[in-house]
């Protein structure tokens, strides 16, 4: 006997006994079980029945004319049954027997409560037969409607325990979803903040680098001298002035003087590294290929004076 402090367990197995069905073994009334722990599942032992004038009659010892092997049937998949450990789709006499068995249980006042027993989702047996949506299940549902028209108005129900469980599950799911959303939002915000910080740091670094590479005044003079030398070159397509022997001689002498001036200028300051750029490479080739342009670009004043004096 349960005390007031013990929790009563939910009943998922319901037994129904009808005088229209008896055991095939001992010829005694047998129980038909309805399992509602999941979907509506009807289970029975090997039974026999007496069909007369299209309806089952109370059975007696010698007048049974219909039998059904032991098995079980999920009403959501009617007429698919499981017998001897294998699934089978009933037809013929066995389908007729199972149909009459369910119809008898639904219309017999002693077992009609079966049609008022919901499963774990709040559906009743009539709903399971309609959801099965097979020719056999719909034919059985129509016979049940004709026998008990009130079944057409039967709605789904919700057990209290199921409702509380689903509510708690839904609340937990929503809480987890909200927490996940907040986590993703914070992660995105931190990622954007980090990206912005890195962008600003890169911009500051580039700014410092640009400021650190500002040209001094003497370098500006070099660039201006280079531009002047470049502008002094003859344009493409203009007839070049033919140099005589005197011009060639002066050019060679100027280059020799330039080389000596470069050597003296490169060693004149102990703290300055010697400069020997190639006149045919950058940056000299941007300002012309003449010795005078070279000397102007690299601020070799004595070399410029030497060449101009020639």
Protein backbone atom coordinates (compact mmCIF):
# COMPACT_ATOMS: atom_id res chain seq x y z
CA UNK A 1 0.00 0.00 0.00
CA UNK A 2 1.39 3.38 -1.02
CA UNK A 3 1.94 5.95 1.70
CA UNK A 4 1.26 9.65 1.34
CA UNK A 5 4.99 10.22 0.89
CA UNK A 6 5.44 7.81 -2.01
CA UNK A 7 5.16 8.98 -5.58
CA UNK A 8 2.63 7.00 -7.57
CA UNK A 9 3.99 5.81 -10.89
CA UNK A 10 2.24 6.57 -14.13
CA UNK A 11 0.19 3.69 -15.53
CA UNK A 12 1.23 2.88 -19.08
CA UNK A 13 -0.24 -0.63 -19.38
CA UNK A 14 -4.00 -1.00 -19.48
CA UNK A 15 -5.75 -4.40 -19.52
CA UNK A 16 -9.18 -4.98 -21.03
CA UNK A 17 -11.18 -8.20 -20.71
CA UNK A 18 -14.19 -8.91 -22.92
CA UNK A 19 -16.54 -11.87 -22.92
CA UNK A 20 -16.37 -11.79 -26.73
CA UNK A 21 -12.73 -12.87 -26.78
CA UNK A 22 -11.17 -15.95 -25.22
CA UNK A 23 -7.82 -17.68 -25.16
CA UNK A 24 -7.15 -20.27 -27.83
CA UNK A 25 -5.28 -22.42 -25.30
CA UNK A 26 -7.44 -22.75 -22.21
CA UNK A 27 -10.70 -21.30 -23.64
CA UNK A 28 -10.90 -18.77 -20.79
CA UNK A 29 -11.37 -15.00 -21.05
CA UNK A 30 -8.07 -13.31 -21.84
CA UNK A 31 -6.73 -9.83 -21.37
CA UNK A 32 -6.03 -7.48 -24.25
CA UNK A 33 -3.26 -5.04 -23.30
CA UNK A 34 -3.00 -1.42 -24.44
CA UNK A 35 0.48 0.10 -24.02
CA UNK A 36 0.49 3.93 -23.96
CA UNK A 37 4.09 4.49 -22.82
CA UNK A 38 4.81 5.48 -26.40
CA UNK A 39 2.34 5.24 -29.24
CA UNK A 40 -0.87 3.25 -28.87
CA UNK A 41 0.19 -0.40 -29.06
CA UNK A 42 -2.29 -3.24 -28.71
CA UNK A 43 -0.99 -6.65 -27.53
CA UNK A 44 -2.82 -9.96 -27.34
CA UNK A 45 -2.21 -13.67 -26.89
CA UNK A 46 -3.61 -16.23 -29.29
CA UNK A 47 -7.37 -15.68 -29.19
CA UNK A 48 -10.53 -16.95 -30.79
CA UNK A 49 -13.91 -15.29 -31.31
CA UNK A 50 -17.40 -15.98 -32.56
CA UNK A 51 -18.65 -13.83 -35.41
CA UNK A 52 -22.39 -13.85 -36.09
CA UNK A 53 -24.41 -11.46 -38.27
CA UNK A 54 -21.39 -9.19 -38.79
CA UNK A 55 -20.60 -8.72 -35.10
CA UNK A 56 -18.78 -10.62 -32.39
CA UNK A 57 -20.91 -12.49 -29.97
CA UNK A 58 -20.20 -13.76 -26.46
CA UNK A 59 -18.07 -16.87 -26.82
CA UNK A 60 -19.00 -20.30 -25.58
CA UNK A 61 -17.07 -23.53 -25.41
CA UNK A 62 -17.73 -24.82 -28.93
CA UNK A 63 -18.99 -22.11 -31.24
CA UNK A 64 -15.92 -19.97 -32.13
CA UNK A 65 -15.36 -19.47 -35.85
CA UNK A 66 -12.55 -16.87 -35.94
CA UNK A 67 -9.01 -16.90 -34.52
CA UNK A 68 -6.00 -14.60 -34.35
CA UNK A 69 -2.39 -15.59 -33.52
CA UNK A 70 -0.56 -13.80 -30.71
CA UNK A 71 0.97 -10.48 -31.68
CA UNK A 72 0.95 -6.73 -31.26
CA UNK A 73 -0.06 -3.76 -33.36
CA UNK A 74 0.94 -0.12 -33.23
CA UNK A 75 -2.33 1.59 -34.14
CA UNK A 76 -0.39 4.35 -35.90
CA UNK A 77 0.74 1.74 -38.46
CA UNK A 78 -2.44 -0.37 -38.63
CA UNK A 79 -2.71 -3.01 -40.17
CA UNK A 80 1.04 -3.63 -39.76
CA UNK A 81 1.55 -6.08 -36.89
CA UNK A 82 4.39 -7.97 -35.29
CA UNK A 83 3.95 -11.74 -34.93
CA UNK A 84 6.57 -14.33 -34.02
CA UNK A 85 9.24 -11.64 -33.93
CA UNK A 86 8.64 -10.43 -37.49
CA UNK A 87 6.60 -7.61 -38.99
CA UNK A 88 3.68 -8.56 -41.19
CA UNK A 89 0.97 -6.68 -43.03
CA UNK A 90 -2.32 -8.35 -42.21
CA UNK A 91 -4.90 -9.13 -44.82
CA UNK A 92 -7.72 -11.57 -45.37
CA UNK A 93 -9.14 -13.45 -42.38
CA UNK A 94 -6.50 -12.24 -39.91
CA UNK A 95 -7.13 -8.58 -40.79
CA UNK A 96 -10.85 -9.22 -40.45
CA UNK A 97 -10.30 -10.82 -37.03
CA UNK A 98 -8.17 -7.94 -35.72
CA UNK A 99 -10.68 -5.38 -37.01
CA UNK A 100 -13.56 -7.15 -35.26
CA UNK A 101 -11.50 -7.46 -32.08
CA UNK A 102 -10.84 -3.72 -31.89
CA UNK A 103 -14.44 -2.90 -32.80
CA UNK A 104 -15.72 -5.22 -30.04
CA UNK A 105 -13.41 -3.67 -27.42
CA UNK A 106 -14.54 -0.16 -28.44
CA UNK A 107 -18.27 -0.88 -28.30
CA UNK A 108 -18.46 -3.27 -25.34
CA UNK A 109 -19.43 -1.25 -22.22
CA UNK A 110 -16.98 -3.32 -20.16
CA UNK A 111 -14.01 -2.34 -22.35
CA UNK A 112 -15.13 0.92 -24.03
CA UNK A 113 -12.76 2.84 -21.75
CA UNK A 114 -10.00 1.80 -24.14
CA UNK A 115 -11.14 4.53 -26.54
CA UNK A 116 -10.83 7.10 -23.72
CA UNK A 117 -7.20 6.25 -22.90
CA UNK A 118 -4.65 8.78 -24.23
CA UNK A 119 -1.09 7.94 -25.09
CA UNK A 120 2.03 9.88 -24.09
CA UNK A 121 1.31 12.69 -26.57
CA UNK A 122 -2.35 13.07 -25.61
CA UNK A 123 -3.80 11.24 -28.62
CA UNK A 124 -6.60 8.67 -28.38
CA UNK A 125 -6.85 5.40 -30.32
CA UNK A 126 -9.21 6.94 -32.88
CA UNK A 127 -6.56 9.56 -33.66
CA UNK A 128 -3.93 6.86 -34.15
CA UNK A 129 -6.11 5.05 -36.67
CA UNK A 130 -6.72 8.26 -38.62
CA UNK A 131 -3.00 9.12 -38.61
CA UNK A 132 -2.20 5.65 -39.99
CA UNK A 133 -4.12 6.76 -43.10
CA UNK A 134 -4.35 3.29 -44.69
CA UNK A 135 -7.39 1.80 -46.34
CA UNK A 136 -7.82 -0.68 -43.49
CA UNK A 137 -7.34 1.91 -40.71
CA UNK A 138 -9.76 4.38 -42.27
CA UNK A 139 -12.37 1.64 -42.82
CA UNK A 140 -12.07 0.68 -39.13
CA UNK A 141 -12.30 4.36 -38.07
CA UNK A 142 -15.50 4.79 -40.11
CA UNK A 143 -17.07 1.73 -38.47
CA UNK A 144 -16.12 3.13 -35.05
CA UNK A 145 -17.71 6.48 -35.94
CA UNK A 146 -20.93 4.74 -36.98
CA UNK A 147 -20.94 2.70 -33.77
CA UNK A 148 -19.92 5.62 -31.49
CA UNK A 149 -20.53 9.01 -33.22
CA UNK A 150 -19.12 10.90 -30.20
CA UNK A 151 -15.65 9.74 -31.23
CA UNK A 152 -15.77 12.29 -34.06
CA UNK A 153 -15.67 15.08 -31.46
CA UNK A 154 -12.86 13.62 -29.40
CA UNK A 155 -9.94 16.15 -29.13
CA UNK A 156 -6.37 15.59 -28.07
CA UNK A 157 -5.60 15.90 -24.39
CA UNK A 158 -2.49 16.58 -22.36
CA UNK A 159 -1.55 14.70 -19.23
CA UNK A 160 -0.44 16.92 -16.35
CA UNK A 161 2.94 15.24 -16.00
CA UNK A 162 3.55 15.49 -19.73
CA UNK A 163 2.60 19.16 -19.78
CA UNK A 164 4.96 19.99 -16.91
CA UNK A 165 7.76 17.97 -18.48
CA UNK A 166 7.32 19.64 -21.85
CA UNK A 167 7.10 23.07 -20.26
CA UNK A 168 10.31 22.47 -18.33
CA UNK A 169 12.02 21.09 -21.44
CA UNK A 170 10.89 24.07 -23.49
CA UNK A 171 12.07 26.50 -20.79
CA UNK A 172 15.48 24.83 -20.62
CA UNK A 173 15.76 24.81 -24.41
CA UNK A 174 14.92 28.51 -24.62
CA UNK A 175 17.39 29.30 -21.83
CA UNK A 176 20.17 27.41 -23.58
CA UNK A 177 19.32 29.08 -26.88
CA UNK A 178 19.40 32.51 -25.23
CA UNK A 179 22.72 31.75 -23.55
CA UNK A 180 24.18 30.54 -26.85
CA UNK A 181 22.93 33.66 -28.61
CA UNK A 182 24.48 35.92 -25.98
CA UNK A 183 27.75 33.99 -26.18
CA UNK A 184 27.86 34.33 -29.95
CA UNK A 185 27.01 38.03 -29.70
CA UNK A 186 29.78 38.66 -27.17
CA UNK A 187 32.22 36.64 -29.26
CA UNK A 188 31.35 38.68 -32.34
CA UNK A 189 31.67 41.93 -30.40
CA UNK A 190 35.08 40.92 -29.04
CA UNK A 191 36.19 39.88 -32.52
CA UNK A 192 35.12 43.23 -33.98
CA UNK A 193 36.83 45.10 -31.13
CA UNK A 194 40.03 43.13 -31.71
CA UNK A 195 39.86 43.79 -35.45
CA UNK A 196 39.34 47.52 -34.79
CA UNK A 197 42.25 47.58 -32.32
CA UNK A 198 44.54 45.86 -34.82
CA UNK A 199 43.43 48.27 -37.55
CA UNK A 200 44.16 51.29 -35.37
CA UNK A 201 47.52 49.86 -34.34
CA UNK A 202 48.42 49.24 -37.96
CA UNK A 203 47.33 52.77 -38.90
CA UNK A 204 49.46 54.26 -36.10
CA UNK A 205 52.44 52.14 -37.11
CA UNK A 206 52.11 53.20 -40.73
CA UNK A 207 51.75 56.84 -39.64
CA UNK A 208 54.92 56.67 -37.62
CA UNK A 209 56.71 54.97 -40.47
CA UNK A 210 55.59 57.66 -42.91
CA UNK A 211 56.60 60.44 -40.52
CA UNK A 212 59.94 58.78 -39.95
CA UNK A 213 60.59 58.64 -43.69
CA UNK A 214 60.06 62.36 -44.31
CA UNK A 215 62.78 63.69 -46.60
CA UNK A 216 65.31 66.19 -45.18
CA UNK A 217 66.01 69.48 -46.88
CA UNK A 218 69.16 68.28 -48.64
CA UNK A 219 67.22 65.27 -49.99
CA UNK A 220 64.57 67.58 -51.39
CA UNK A 221 67.34 69.47 -53.15
CA UNK A 222 68.60 66.22 -54.57
CA UNK A 223 65.17 65.37 -55.97
CA UNK A 224 64.79 68.82 -57.47
CA UNK A 225 68.22 68.56 -59.06
CA UNK A 226 67.29 65.15 -60.44
CA UNK A 227 64.11 66.52 -61.95
CA UNK A 228 66.07 69.37 -63.52
CA UNK A 229 68.53 66.91 -65.01
CA UNK A 230 65.68 64.75 -66.31
CA UNK A 231 63.95 67.76 -67.90
CA UNK A 232 67.24 68.76 -69.53
CA UNK A 233 67.40 65.48 -71.47
CA UNK A 234 66.34 65.68 -75.13
CA UNK A 235 62.84 64.43 -75.75
CA UNK A 236 62.16 61.19 -77.55
CA UNK A 237 62.05 61.71 -81.28
CA UNK A 238 64.09 64.97 -81.19
CA UNK A 239 67.23 64.92 -83.30
CA UNK A 240 70.19 64.27 -81.06
CA UNK A 241 73.14 66.63 -81.26
CA UNK A 242 76.08 64.93 -82.75
CA UNK A 243 79.05 65.10 -80.51
CA UNK A 244 82.38 65.93 -81.91
CA UNK A 245 85.69 64.71 -80.69
CA UNK A 246 85.93 67.66 -78.31
CA UNK A 247 82.56 66.92 -76.76
CA UNK A 248 83.40 63.25 -76.33
CA UNK A 249 86.72 64.16 -74.78
CA UNK A 250 85.07 66.52 -72.32
CA UNK A 251 82.48 63.86 -71.41
CA UNK A 252 85.17 61.30 -70.67
CA UNK A 253 87.17 63.83 -68.68
CA UNK A 254 84.01 64.78 -66.76
CA UNK A 255 83.32 61.16 -65.87
CA UNK A 256 86.88 60.70 -64.61
CA UNK A 257 86.64 63.85 -62.54
CA UNK A 258 83.25 62.69 -61.25
CA UNK A 259 84.61 59.33 -60.19
CA UNK A 260 87.46 60.99 -58.30
CA UNK A 261 85.05 63.41 -56.67
CA UNK A 262 82.77 60.54 -55.64
CA UNK A 263 85.69 58.69 -54.06
CA UNK A 264 86.81 61.79 -52.16
CA UNK A 265 83.23 62.63 -51.09
CA UNK A 266 82.55 59.07 -49.92
CA UNK A 267 85.60 59.07 -47.66
CA UNK A 268 85.39 62.67 -46.48
CA UNK A 269 83.10 61.92 -43.55
CA UNK A 270 84.09 59.07 -41.19
CA UNK A 271 80.48 58.63 -39.99
CA UNK A 272 78.97 58.32 -43.44
CA UNK A 273 78.99 55.08 -45.38
CA UNK A 274 80.58 55.26 -48.82
CA UNK A 275 78.07 55.73 -51.63
CA UNK A 276 78.78 53.99 -54.94
CA UNK A 277 75.36 53.59 -56.61
CA UNK A 278 75.25 52.29 -60.12
CA UNK A 279 74.17 55.10 -62.53
CA UNK A 280 72.18 52.51 -64.52
CA UNK A 281 70.10 51.32 -61.55
CA UNK A 282 67.46 52.94 -59.34
CA UNK A 283 67.23 55.68 -58.29
CA UNK A 284 69.77 57.23 -60.69
CA UNK A 285 68.08 56.04 -63.86
CA UNK A 286 64.91 57.95 -62.87
CA UNK A 287 66.81 61.29 -63.13
CA UNK A 288 68.88 60.76 -66.26
CA UNK A 289 72.02 58.95 -67.20
CA UNK A 290 74.46 61.87 -67.25
CA UNK A 291 77.27 62.34 -64.73
CA UNK A 292 75.91 65.78 -63.90
CA UNK A 293 72.49 64.29 -63.05
CA UNK A 294 74.16 61.66 -60.92
CA UNK A 295 76.12 64.25 -58.98
CA UNK A 296 73.06 66.43 -58.50
CA UNK A 297 70.92 63.55 -57.22
CA UNK A 298 73.44 62.53 -54.57
CA UNK A 299 74.41 66.10 -53.63
CA UNK A 300 78.04 65.73 -54.73
CA UNK A 301 78.74 69.46 -54.79
CA UNK A 302 82.43 69.28 -55.57
CA UNK A 303 81.77 66.91 -58.43
CA UNK A 304 79.15 69.28 -59.82
CA UNK A 305 81.59 72.21 -59.55
CA UNK A 306 84.30 70.17 -61.19
CA UNK A 307 82.10 69.26 -64.13
CA UNK A 308 80.78 72.78 -64.56
CA UNK A 309 84.29 74.19 -64.51
CA UNK A 310 85.21 71.98 -67.46
